[in-house]
Amino acid sequence: MIKVHIDFSIFTKEAAFGMISGSLTLPVAPQIGDAIAFRISKKVEAYLGQLPFGGYLRVTRRLIGADADLGILLTLEDVTAATSDDAQRLVSALEESYGLFGDVWENQ
């Protein structure tokens, strides 16, 4: 198992909404072009409804730190949600299911 740090941006059709970042423990270190599958728990699915993405996000950038503490940093493809409410539900689901951090920008 390997720990990677991820980040990706979330948009709505009208504006930038925020970003997700944090660490995941994966069985292998993904390469550029690989997809990470996010399985949202049944508890979260009950209030999430339809995800604004299919649960898979591709790795678009991979940075390996020269310092072992930095580890592997992955940038994932952006997500565009239909509405701000959909975007917020996605942020909440990823925080609850994966312990990731959602940074929602104030101009919403």
PDB file of N, CA and C in Angstrom:
ATOM      1  N   MET A   1       0.853  -1.184   0.000  1.00  0.00           N
ATOM      2  CA  MET A   1       0.000   0.000   0.000  1.00  0.00           C
ATOM      3  C   MET A   1       0.893   1.240   0.000  1.00  0.00           C
ATOM      4  N   ILE A   2       0.436   2.251  -0.693  1.00  0.00           N
ATOM      5  CA  ILE A   2       1.211   3.478  -0.800  1.00  0.00           C
ATOM      6  C   ILE A   2       0.303   4.687  -0.568  1.00  0.00           C
ATOM      7  N   LYS A   3       0.816   5.655   0.160  1.00  0.00           N
ATOM      8  CA  LYS A   3       0.059   6.867   0.443  1.00  0.00           C
ATOM      9  C   LYS A   3       0.368   7.903  -0.633  1.00  0.00           C
ATOM     10  N   VAL A   4      -0.691   8.475  -1.208  1.00  0.00           N
ATOM     11  CA  VAL A   4      -0.550   9.540  -2.201  1.00  0.00           C
ATOM     12  C   VAL A   4      -1.367  10.738  -1.745  1.00  0.00           C
ATOM     13  N   HIS A   5      -0.959  11.895  -2.180  1.00  0.00           N
ATOM     14  CA  HIS A   5      -1.687  13.130  -1.901  1.00  0.00           C
ATOM     15  C   HIS A   5      -2.368  13.545  -3.200  1.00  0.00           C
ATOM     16  N   ILE A   6      -3.648  13.897  -3.104  1.00  0.00           N
ATOM     17  CA  ILE A   6      -4.398  14.259  -4.307  1.00  0.00           C
ATOM     18  C   ILE A   6      -4.974  15.667  -4.181  1.00  0.00           C
ATOM     19  N   ASP A   7      -5.270  16.244  -5.332  1.00  0.00           N
ATOM     20  CA  ASP A   7      -6.086  17.453  -5.365  1.00  0.00           C
ATOM     21  C   ASP A   7      -6.777  17.548  -6.718  1.00  0.00           C
ATOM     22  N   PHE A   8      -7.951  18.147  -6.704  1.00  0.00           N
ATOM     23  CA  PHE A   8      -8.669  18.449  -7.938  1.00  0.00           C
ATOM     24  C   PHE A   8      -9.665  19.567  -7.671  1.00  0.00           C
ATOM     25  N   SER A   9     -10.034  20.261  -8.736  1.00  0.00           N
ATOM     26  CA  SER A   9     -10.957  21.395  -8.633  1.00  0.00           C
ATOM     27  C   SER A   9     -12.371  20.960  -8.945  1.00  0.00           C
ATOM     28  N   ILE A  10     -13.312  21.694  -8.353  1.00  0.00           N
ATOM     29  CA  ILE A  10     -14.736  21.473  -8.605  1.00  0.00           C
ATOM     30  C   ILE A  10     -15.314  22.780  -9.139  1.00  0.00           C
ATOM     31  N   PHE A  11     -16.058  22.654 -10.219  1.00  0.00           N
ATOM     32  CA  PHE A  11     -16.720  23.799 -10.840  1.00  0.00           C
ATOM     33  C   PHE A  11     -18.216  23.537 -10.898  1.00  0.00           C
ATOM     34  N   THR A  12     -18.978  24.601 -11.064  1.00  0.00           N
ATOM     35  CA  THR A  12     -20.379  24.472 -11.474  1.00  0.00           C
ATOM     36  C   THR A  12     -20.416  24.979 -12.907  1.00  0.00           C
ATOM     37  N   LYS A  13     -21.572  24.946 -13.529  1.00  0.00           N
ATOM     38  CA  LYS A  13     -21.676  25.439 -14.901  1.00  0.00           C
ATOM     39  C   LYS A  13     -21.409  26.947 -14.969  1.00  0.00           C
ATOM     40  N   GLU A  14     -21.590  27.647 -13.838  1.00  0.00           N
ATOM     41  CA  GLU A  14     -21.439  29.092 -13.819  1.00  0.00           C
ATOM     42  C   GLU A  14     -20.085  29.587 -13.312  1.00  0.00           C
ATOM     43  N   ALA A  15     -19.424  28.834 -12.425  1.00  0.00           N
ATOM     44  CA  ALA A  15     -18.239  29.388 -11.750  1.00  0.00           C
ATOM     45  C   ALA A  15     -17.380  28.297 -11.126  1.00  0.00           C
ATOM     46  N   ALA A  16     -16.203  28.710 -10.682  1.00  0.00           N
ATOM     47  CA  ALA A  16     -15.350  27.840  -9.875  1.00  0.00           C
ATOM     48  C   ALA A  16     -16.003  27.697  -8.505  1.00  0.00           C
ATOM     49  N   PHE A  17     -16.035  26.478  -7.969  1.00  0.00           N
ATOM     50  CA  PHE A  17     -16.696  26.224  -6.688  1.00  0.00           C
ATOM     51  C   PHE A  17     -15.696  26.015  -5.559  1.00  0.00           C
ATOM     52  N   GLY A  18     -14.640  25.247  -5.816  1.00  0.00           N
ATOM     53  CA  GLY A  18     -13.672  24.949  -4.764  1.00  0.00           C
ATOM     54  C   GLY A  18     -12.744  23.841  -5.193  1.00  0.00           C
ATOM     55  N   MET A  19     -12.124  23.223  -4.201  1.00  0.00           N
ATOM     56  CA  MET A  19     -11.216  22.117  -4.513  1.00  0.00           C
ATOM     57  C   MET A  19     -11.245  21.079  -3.405  1.00  0.00           C
ATOM     58  N   ILE A  20     -10.811  19.893  -3.758  1.00  0.00           N
ATOM     59  CA  ILE A  20     -10.678  18.772  -2.829  1.00  0.00           C
ATOM     60  C   ILE A  20      -9.199  18.426  -2.745  1.00  0.00           C
ATOM     61  N   SER A  21      -8.713  18.162  -1.537  1.00  0.00           N
ATOM     62  CA  SER A  21      -7.330  17.719  -1.373  1.00  0.00           C
ATOM     63  C   SER A  21      -7.259  16.778  -0.185  1.00  0.00           C
ATOM     64  N   GLY A  22      -6.163  16.053  -0.114  1.00  0.00           N
ATOM     65  CA  GLY A  22      -5.952  15.150   1.010  1.00  0.00           C
ATOM     66  C   GLY A  22      -5.148  13.934   0.593  1.00  0.00           C
ATOM     67  N   SER A  23      -5.084  12.970   1.479  1.00  0.00           N
ATOM     68  CA  SER A  23      -4.282  11.767   1.255  1.00  0.00           C
ATOM     69  C   SER A  23      -5.167  10.537   1.128  1.00  0.00           C
ATOM     70  N   LEU A  24      -4.753   9.637   0.257  1.00  0.00           N
ATOM     71  CA  LEU A  24      -5.397   8.344   0.085  1.00  0.00           C
ATOM     72  C   LEU A  24      -4.333   7.261   0.177  1.00  0.00           C
ATOM     73  N   THR A  25      -4.697   6.102   0.691  1.00  0.00           N
ATOM     74  CA  THR A  25      -3.810   4.946   0.683  1.00  0.00           C
ATOM     75  C   THR A  25      -4.317   4.014  -0.404  1.00  0.00           C
ATOM     76  N   LEU A  26      -3.466   3.776  -1.400  1.00  0.00           N
ATOM     77  CA  LEU A  26      -3.848   2.988  -2.571  1.00  0.00           C
ATOM     78  C   LEU A  26      -2.963   1.750  -2.690  1.00  0.00           C
ATOM     79  N   PRO A  27      -3.419   0.721  -3.417  1.00  0.00           N
ATOM     80  CA  PRO A  27      -2.611  -0.492  -3.563  1.00  0.00           C
ATOM     81  C   PRO A  27      -1.374  -0.277  -4.430  1.00  0.00           C
ATOM     82  N   VAL A  28      -1.423   0.683  -5.364  1.00  0.00           N
ATOM     83  CA  VAL A  28      -0.279   1.012  -6.231  1.00  0.00           C
ATOM     84  C   VAL A  28      -0.247   2.521  -6.430  1.00  0.00           C
ATOM     85  N   ALA A  29       0.887   3.029  -6.899  1.00  0.00           N
ATOM     86  CA  ALA A  29       1.005   4.449  -7.228  1.00  0.00           C
ATOM     87  C   ALA A  29       0.478   4.661  -8.644  1.00  0.00           C
ATOM     88  N   PRO A  30      -0.628   5.383  -8.810  1.00  0.00           N
ATOM     89  CA  PRO A  30      -1.185   5.597 -10.147  1.00  0.00           C
ATOM     90  C   PRO A  30      -0.240   6.391 -11.046  1.00  0.00           C
ATOM     91  N   GLN A  31      -0.333   6.093 -12.335  1.00  0.00           N
ATOM     92  CA  GLN A  31       0.416   6.803 -13.364  1.00  0.00           C
ATOM     93  C   GLN A  31      -0.508   7.822 -14.039  1.00  0.00           C
ATOM     94  N   ILE A  32       0.066   8.762 -14.769  1.00  0.00           N
ATOM     95  CA  ILE A  32      -0.747   9.708 -15.537  1.00  0.00           C
ATOM     96  C   ILE A  32      -1.622   8.898 -16.496  1.00  0.00           C
ATOM     97  N   GLY A  33      -2.902   9.233 -16.533  1.00  0.00           N
ATOM     98  CA  GLY A  33      -3.858   8.518 -17.378  1.00  0.00           C
ATOM     99  C   GLY A  33      -4.644   7.456 -16.637  1.00  0.00           C
ATOM    100  N   ASP A  34      -4.124   6.964 -15.501  1.00  0.00           N
ATOM    101  CA  ASP A  34      -4.878   6.012 -14.686  1.00  0.00           C
ATOM    102  C   ASP A  34      -6.078   6.729 -14.068  1.00  0.00           C
ATOM    103  N   ALA A  35      -7.088   5.969 -13.717  1.00  0.00           N
ATOM    104  CA  ALA A  35      -8.264   6.515 -13.054  1.00  0.00           C
ATOM    105  C   ALA A  35      -8.345   5.986 -11.626  1.00  0.00           C
ATOM    106  N   ILE A  36      -8.750   6.853 -10.723  1.00  0.00           N
ATOM    107  CA  ILE A  36      -8.995   6.457  -9.337  1.00  0.00           C
ATOM    108  C   ILE A  36     -10.504   6.352  -9.166  1.00  0.00           C
ATOM    109  N   ALA A  37     -10.950   5.218  -8.653  1.00  0.00           N
ATOM    110  CA  ALA A  37     -12.378   4.976  -8.458  1.00  0.00           C
ATOM    111  C   ALA A  37     -12.761   5.345  -7.031  1.00  0.00           C
ATOM    112  N   PHE A  38     -13.710   6.256  -6.914  1.00  0.00           N
ATOM    113  CA  PHE A  38     -14.231   6.651  -5.610  1.00  0.00           C
ATOM    114  C   PHE A  38     -15.549   5.936  -5.399  1.00  0.00           C
ATOM    115  N   ARG A  39     -15.578   5.094  -4.386  1.00  0.00           N
ATOM    116  CA  ARG A  39     -16.814   4.381  -4.029  1.00  0.00           C
ATOM    117  C   ARG A  39     -17.392   5.093  -2.817  1.00  0.00           C
ATOM    118  N   ILE A  40     -18.542   5.670  -3.004  1.00  0.00           N
ATOM    119  CA  ILE A  40     -19.187   6.422  -1.934  1.00  0.00           C
ATOM    120  C   ILE A  40     -20.004   5.445  -1.090  1.00  0.00           C
ATOM    121  N   SER A  41     -19.892   5.563   0.240  1.00  0.00           N
ATOM    122  CA  SER A  41     -20.573   4.632   1.146  1.00  0.00           C
ATOM    123  C   SER A  41     -22.090   4.711   0.991  1.00  0.00           C
ATOM    124  N   LYS A  42     -22.755   3.614   1.331  1.00  0.00           N
ATOM    125  CA  LYS A  42     -24.225   3.574   1.258  1.00  0.00           C
ATOM    126  C   LYS A  42     -24.840   4.661   2.129  1.00  0.00           C
ATOM    127  N   LYS A  43     -24.234   4.926   3.275  1.00  0.00           N
ATOM    128  CA  LYS A  43     -24.738   5.960   4.170  1.00  0.00           C
ATOM    129  C   LYS A  43     -24.739   7.321   3.480  1.00  0.00           C
ATOM    130  N   VAL A  44     -23.676   7.598   2.732  1.00  0.00           N
ATOM    131  CA  VAL A  44     -23.559   8.884   2.040  1.00  0.00           C
ATOM    132  C   VAL A  44     -24.426   8.900   0.794  1.00  0.00           C
ATOM    133  N   GLU A  45     -24.531   7.775   0.088  1.00  0.00           N
ATOM    134  CA  GLU A  45     -25.353   7.719  -1.127  1.00  0.00           C
ATOM    135  C   GLU A  45     -26.793   8.119  -0.854  1.00  0.00           C
ATOM    136  N   ALA A  46     -27.277   7.849   0.350  1.00  0.00           N
ATOM    137  CA  ALA A  46     -28.664   8.145   0.689  1.00  0.00           C
ATOM    138  C   ALA A  46     -28.985   9.633   0.531  1.00  0.00           C
ATOM    139  N   TYR A  47     -28.028  10.518   0.837  1.00  0.00           N
ATOM    140  CA  TYR A  47     -28.323  11.941   0.679  1.00  0.00           C
ATOM    141  C   TYR A  47     -27.624  12.567  -0.522  1.00  0.00           C
ATOM    142  N   LEU A  48     -26.707  11.836  -1.144  1.00  0.00           N
ATOM    143  CA  LEU A  48     -25.956  12.401  -2.265  1.00  0.00           C
ATOM    144  C   LEU A  48     -26.758  12.406  -3.558  1.00  0.00           C
ATOM    145  N   GLY A  49     -27.542  11.359  -3.780  1.00  0.00           N
ATOM    146  CA  GLY A  49     -28.272  11.280  -5.037  1.00  0.00           C
ATOM    147  C   GLY A  49     -27.325  11.011  -6.189  1.00  0.00           C
ATOM    148  N   GLN A  50     -27.538  11.672  -7.306  1.00  0.00           N
ATOM    149  CA  GLN A  50     -26.727  11.471  -8.511  1.00  0.00           C
ATOM    150  C   GLN A  50     -25.406  12.228  -8.404  1.00  0.00           C
ATOM    151  N   LEU A  51     -24.292  11.516  -8.486  1.00  0.00           N
ATOM    152  CA  LEU A  51     -22.979  12.166  -8.471  1.00  0.00           C
ATOM    153  C   LEU A  51     -22.786  12.990  -9.737  1.00  0.00           C
ATOM    154  N   PRO A  52     -22.089  14.122  -9.633  1.00  0.00           N
ATOM    155  CA  PRO A  52     -21.819  14.897 -10.838  1.00  0.00           C
ATOM    156  C   PRO A  52     -20.704  14.285 -11.684  1.00  0.00           C
ATOM    157  N   PHE A  53     -20.194  13.141 -11.294  1.00  0.00           N
ATOM    158  CA  PHE A  53     -19.237  12.390 -12.094  1.00  0.00           C
ATOM    159  C   PHE A  53     -19.486  10.916 -11.837  1.00  0.00           C
ATOM    160  N   GLY A  54     -18.937  10.069 -12.671  1.00  0.00           N
ATOM    161  CA  GLY A  54     -19.220   8.644 -12.590  1.00  0.00           C
ATOM    162  C   GLY A  54     -18.501   7.893 -11.490  1.00  0.00           C
ATOM    163  N   GLY A  55     -17.779   8.615 -10.617  1.00  0.00           N
ATOM    164  CA  GLY A  55     -17.048   7.961  -9.548  1.00  0.00           C
ATOM    165  C   GLY A  55     -15.587   7.723  -9.885  1.00  0.00           C
ATOM    166  N   TYR A  56     -15.180   8.026 -11.120  1.00  0.00           N
ATOM    167  CA  TYR A  56     -13.804   7.821 -11.569  1.00  0.00           C
ATOM    168  C   TYR A  56     -13.188   9.158 -11.956  1.00  0.00           C
ATOM    169  N   LEU A  57     -11.969   9.404 -11.495  1.00  0.00           N
ATOM    170  CA  LEU A  57     -11.239  10.605 -11.896  1.00  0.00           C
ATOM    171  C   LEU A  57      -9.853  10.202 -12.382  1.00  0.00           C
ATOM    172  N   ARG A  58      -9.475  10.714 -13.531  1.00  0.00           N
ATOM    173  CA  ARG A  58      -8.171  10.402 -14.131  1.00  0.00           C
ATOM    174  C   ARG A  58      -7.058  11.244 -13.526  1.00  0.00           C
ATOM    175  N   VAL A  59      -5.880  10.645 -13.430  1.00  0.00           N
ATOM    176  CA  VAL A  59      -4.677  11.348 -12.983  1.00  0.00           C
ATOM    177  C   VAL A  59      -4.163  12.162 -14.169  1.00  0.00           C
ATOM    178  N   THR A  60      -4.039  13.475 -13.977  1.00  0.00           N
ATOM    179  CA  THR A  60      -3.567  14.347 -15.047  1.00  0.00           C
ATOM    180  C   THR A  60      -2.128  14.809 -14.838  1.00  0.00           C
ATOM    181  N   ARG A  61      -1.658  14.715 -13.603  1.00  0.00           N
ATOM    182  CA  ARG A  61      -0.291  15.149 -13.287  1.00  0.00           C
ATOM    183  C   ARG A  61       0.217  14.321 -12.120  1.00  0.00           C
ATOM    184  N   ARG A  62       1.494  13.958 -12.146  1.00  0.00           N
ATOM    185  CA  ARG A  62       2.098  13.139 -11.091  1.00  0.00           C
ATOM    186  C   ARG A  62       3.448  13.735 -10.744  1.00  0.00           C
ATOM    187  N   LEU A  63       3.638  14.043  -9.469  1.00  0.00           N
ATOM    188  CA  LEU A  63       4.888  14.623  -8.998  1.00  0.00           C
ATOM    189  C   LEU A  63       5.428  13.746  -7.881  1.00  0.00           C
ATOM    190  N   ILE A  64       6.669  13.323  -8.029  1.00  0.00           N
ATOM    191  CA  ILE A  64       7.317  12.513  -7.001  1.00  0.00           C
ATOM    192  C   ILE A  64       8.314  13.408  -6.285  1.00  0.00           C
ATOM    193  N   GLY A  65       8.127  13.573  -4.992  1.00  0.00           N
ATOM    194  CA  GLY A  65       8.989  14.442  -4.216  1.00  0.00           C
ATOM    195  C   GLY A  65      10.372  13.847  -4.002  1.00  0.00           C
ATOM    196  N   ALA A  66      11.382  14.704  -4.058  1.00  0.00           N
ATOM    197  CA  ALA A  66      12.752  14.266  -3.781  1.00  0.00           C
ATOM    198  C   ALA A  66      12.917  13.919  -2.310  1.00  0.00           C
ATOM    199  N   ASP A  67      12.098  14.503  -1.469  1.00  0.00           N
ATOM    200  CA  ASP A  67      12.088  14.246  -0.033  1.00  0.00           C
ATOM    201  C   ASP A  67      11.029  13.174   0.235  1.00  0.00           C
ATOM    202  N   ALA A  68      11.385  12.118   0.911  1.00  0.00           N
ATOM    203  CA  ALA A  68      10.454  11.012   1.169  1.00  0.00           C
ATOM    204  C   ALA A  68       9.188  11.482   1.888  1.00  0.00           C
ATOM    205  N   ASP A  69       9.298  12.545   2.697  1.00  0.00           N
ATOM    206  CA  ASP A  69       8.121  13.048   3.404  1.00  0.00           C
ATOM    207  C   ASP A  69       7.097  13.646   2.452  1.00  0.00           C
ATOM    208  N   LEU A  70       7.551  14.154   1.305  1.00  0.00           N
ATOM    209  CA  LEU A  70       6.642  14.752   0.329  1.00  0.00           C
ATOM    210  C   LEU A  70       5.822  13.681  -0.374  1.00  0.00           C
ATOM    211  N   GLY A  71       6.435  12.543  -0.651  1.00  0.00           N
ATOM    212  CA  GLY A  71       5.715  11.431  -1.253  1.00  0.00           C
ATOM    213  C   GLY A  71       5.326  11.686  -2.699  1.00  0.00           C
ATOM    214  N   ILE A  72       4.171  11.137  -3.094  1.00  0.00           N
ATOM    215  CA  ILE A  72       3.667  11.271  -4.457  1.00  0.00           C
ATOM    216  C   ILE A  72       2.457  12.193  -4.437  1.00  0.00           C
ATOM    217  N   LEU A  73       2.500  13.217  -5.274  1.00  0.00           N
ATOM    218  CA  LEU A  73       1.403  14.175  -5.399  1.00  0.00           C
ATOM    219  C   LEU A  73       0.701  13.945  -6.725  1.00  0.00           C
ATOM    220  N   LEU A  74      -0.614  13.785  -6.702  1.00  0.00           N
ATOM    221  CA  LEU A  74      -1.396  13.549  -7.908  1.00  0.00           C
ATOM    222  C   LEU A  74      -2.423  14.653  -8.105  1.00  0.00           C
ATOM    223  N   THR A  75      -2.482  15.182  -9.311  1.00  0.00           N
ATOM    224  CA  THR A  75      -3.566  16.087  -9.679  1.00  0.00           C
ATOM    225  C   THR A  75      -4.550  15.261 -10.493  1.00  0.00           C
ATOM    226  N   LEU A  76      -5.813  15.333 -10.115  1.00  0.00           N
ATOM    227  CA  LEU A  76      -6.870  14.604 -10.812  1.00  0.00           C
ATOM    228  C   LEU A  76      -7.657  15.565 -11.690  1.00  0.00           C
ATOM    229  N   GLU A  77      -8.364  15.003 -12.661  1.00  0.00           N
ATOM    230  CA  GLU A  77      -9.149  15.845 -13.563  1.00  0.00           C
ATOM    231  C   GLU A  77     -10.219  16.605 -12.774  1.00  0.00           C
ATOM    232  N   ASP A  78     -10.618  17.758 -13.309  1.00  0.00           N
ATOM    233  CA  ASP A  78     -11.632  18.591 -12.674  1.00  0.00           C
ATOM    234  C   ASP A  78     -13.008  17.941 -12.769  1.00  0.00           C
ATOM    235  N   VAL A  79     -13.894  18.335 -11.854  1.00  0.00           N
ATOM    236  CA  VAL A  79     -15.277  17.887 -11.856  1.00  0.00           C
ATOM    237  C   VAL A  79     -16.164  19.106 -12.054  1.00  0.00           C
ATOM    238  N   THR A  80     -17.168  18.986 -12.914  1.00  0.00           N
ATOM    239  CA  THR A  80     -18.145  20.060 -13.090  1.00  0.00           C
ATOM    240  C   THR A  80     -19.507  19.534 -12.658  1.00  0.00           C
ATOM    241  N   ALA A  81     -20.055  20.168 -11.635  1.00  0.00           N
ATOM    242  CA  ALA A  81     -21.376  19.810 -11.115  1.00  0.00           C
ATOM    243  C   ALA A  81     -22.422  20.723 -11.749  1.00  0.00           C
ATOM    244  N   ALA A  82     -23.652  20.262 -11.814  1.00  0.00           N
ATOM    245  CA  ALA A  82     -24.718  21.052 -12.421  1.00  0.00           C
ATOM    246  C   ALA A  82     -25.031  22.300 -11.597  1.00  0.00           C
ATOM    247  N   THR A  83     -25.035  22.159 -10.270  1.00  0.00           N
ATOM    248  CA  THR A  83     -25.408  23.274  -9.394  1.00  0.00           C
ATOM    249  C   THR A  83     -24.453  23.353  -8.210  1.00  0.00           C
ATOM    250  N   SER A  84     -24.526  24.459  -7.490  1.00  0.00           N
ATOM    251  CA  SER A  84     -23.737  24.607  -6.264  1.00  0.00           C
ATOM    252  C   SER A  84     -24.141  23.572  -5.222  1.00  0.00           C
ATOM    253  N   ASP A  85     -25.425  23.255  -5.146  1.00  0.00           N
ATOM    254  CA  ASP A  85     -25.886  22.234  -4.198  1.00  0.00           C
ATOM    255  C   ASP A  85     -25.286  20.871  -4.525  1.00  0.00           C
ATOM    256  N   ASP A  86     -25.243  20.519  -5.819  1.00  0.00           N
ATOM    257  CA  ASP A  86     -24.628  19.253  -6.221  1.00  0.00           C
ATOM    258  C   ASP A  86     -23.149  19.235  -5.862  1.00  0.00           C
ATOM    259  N   ALA A  87     -22.473  20.350  -6.111  1.00  0.00           N
ATOM    260  CA  ALA A  87     -21.039  20.444  -5.789  1.00  0.00           C
ATOM    261  C   ALA A  87     -20.821  20.285  -4.284  1.00  0.00           C
ATOM    262  N   GLN A  88     -21.659  20.919  -3.478  1.00  0.00           N
ATOM    263  CA  GLN A  88     -21.513  20.824  -2.027  1.00  0.00           C
ATOM    264  C   GLN A  88     -21.779  19.410  -1.541  1.00  0.00           C
ATOM    265  N   ARG A  89     -22.753  18.713  -2.143  1.00  0.00           N
ATOM    266  CA  ARG A  89     -23.011  17.314  -1.771  1.00  0.00           C
ATOM    267  C   ARG A  89     -21.809  16.439  -2.094  1.00  0.00           C
ATOM    268  N   LEU A  90     -21.158  16.701  -3.227  1.00  0.00           N
ATOM    269  CA  LEU A  90     -19.963  15.939  -3.581  1.00  0.00           C
ATOM    270  C   LEU A  90     -18.846  16.195  -2.576  1.00  0.00           C
ATOM    271  N   VAL A  91     -18.620  17.450  -2.219  1.00  0.00           N
ATOM    272  CA  VAL A  91     -17.600  17.793  -1.218  1.00  0.00           C
ATOM    273  C   VAL A  91     -17.885  17.052   0.086  1.00  0.00           C
ATOM    274  N   SER A  92     -19.111  17.117   0.549  1.00  0.00           N
ATOM    275  CA  SER A  92     -19.485  16.457   1.801  1.00  0.00           C
ATOM    276  C   SER A  92     -19.280  14.948   1.731  1.00  0.00           C
ATOM    277  N   ALA A  93     -19.634  14.338   0.602  1.00  0.00           N
ATOM    278  CA  ALA A  93     -19.487  12.893   0.450  1.00  0.00           C
ATOM    279  C   ALA A  93     -18.021  12.478   0.479  1.00  0.00           C
ATOM    280  N   LEU A  94     -17.159  13.228  -0.198  1.00  0.00           N
ATOM    281  CA  LEU A  94     -15.734  12.887  -0.219  1.00  0.00           C
ATOM    282  C   LEU A  94     -15.080  13.127   1.137  1.00  0.00           C
ATOM    283  N   GLU A  95     -15.518  14.163   1.841  1.00  0.00           N
ATOM    284  CA  GLU A  95     -15.001  14.394   3.192  1.00  0.00           C
ATOM    285  C   GLU A  95     -15.398  13.242   4.112  1.00  0.00           C
ATOM    286  N   GLU A  96     -16.663  12.836   4.047  1.00  0.00           N
ATOM    287  CA  GLU A  96     -17.156  11.781   4.939  1.00  0.00           C
ATOM    288  C   GLU A  96     -16.602  10.404   4.564  1.00  0.00           C
ATOM    289  N   SER A  97     -16.576  10.091   3.287  1.00  0.00           N
ATOM    290  CA  SER A  97     -16.172   8.751   2.859  1.00  0.00           C
ATOM    291  C   SER A  97     -14.663   8.528   2.855  1.00  0.00           C
ATOM    292  N   TYR A  98     -13.895   9.592   2.571  1.00  0.00           N
ATOM    293  CA  TYR A  98     -12.449   9.414   2.381  1.00  0.00           C
ATOM    294  C   TYR A  98     -11.587  10.292   3.281  1.00  0.00           C
ATOM    295  N   GLY A  99     -12.194  11.113   4.113  1.00  0.00           N
ATOM    296  CA  GLY A  99     -11.415  11.983   4.988  1.00  0.00           C
ATOM    297  C   GLY A  99     -10.665  13.065   4.228  1.00  0.00           C
ATOM    298  N   LEU A 100     -11.146  13.395   3.026  1.00  0.00           N
ATOM    299  CA  LEU A 100     -10.520  14.450   2.243  1.00  0.00           C
ATOM    300  C   LEU A 100     -11.002  15.808   2.732  1.00  0.00           C
ATOM    301  N   PHE A 101     -10.328  16.852   2.315  1.00  0.00           N
ATOM    302  CA  PHE A 101     -10.653  18.210   2.745  1.00  0.00           C
ATOM    303  C   PHE A 101     -11.224  18.988   1.574  1.00  0.00           C
ATOM    304  N   GLY A 102     -12.410  19.559   1.772  1.00  0.00           N
ATOM    305  CA  GLY A 102     -13.029  20.405   0.759  1.00  0.00           C
ATOM    306  C   GLY A 102     -12.831  21.870   1.099  1.00  0.00           C
ATOM    307  N   ASP A 103     -12.260  22.602   0.159  1.00  0.00           N
ATOM    308  CA  ASP A 103     -12.080  24.042   0.312  1.00  0.00           C
ATOM    309  C   ASP A 103     -13.053  24.723  -0.634  1.00  0.00           C
ATOM    310  N   VAL A 104     -14.180  25.194  -0.087  1.00  0.00           N
ATOM    311  CA  VAL A 104     -15.210  25.851  -0.885  1.00  0.00           C
ATOM    312  C   VAL A 104     -14.940  27.350  -0.875  1.00  0.00           C
ATOM    313  N   TRP A 105     -14.847  27.907  -2.057  1.00  0.00           N
ATOM    314  CA  TRP A 105     -14.527  29.324  -2.169  1.00  0.00           C
ATOM    315  C   TRP A 105     -15.722  30.180  -1.817  1.00  0.00           C
ATOM    316  N   GLU A 106     -15.466  31.290  -1.186  1.00  0.00           N
ATOM    317  CA  GLU A 106     -16.499  32.152  -0.604  1.00  0.00           C
ATOM    318  C   GLU A 106     -17.399  32.850  -1.624  1.00  0.00           C
ATOM    319  N   ASN A 107     -16.971  32.976  -2.870  1.00  0.00           N
ATOM    320  CA  ASN A 107     -17.761  33.742  -3.831  1.00  0.00           C
ATOM    321  C   ASN A 107     -18.958  32.977  -4.380  1.00  0.00           C
ATOM    322  N   GLN A 108     -19.397  31.960  -3.701  1.00  0.00           N
ATOM    323  CA  GLN A 108     -20.534  31.167  -4.190  1.00  0.00           C
ATOM    324  C   GLN A 108     -21.820  31.832  -3.868  1.00  0.00           C
TER     325      GLN A 108
END
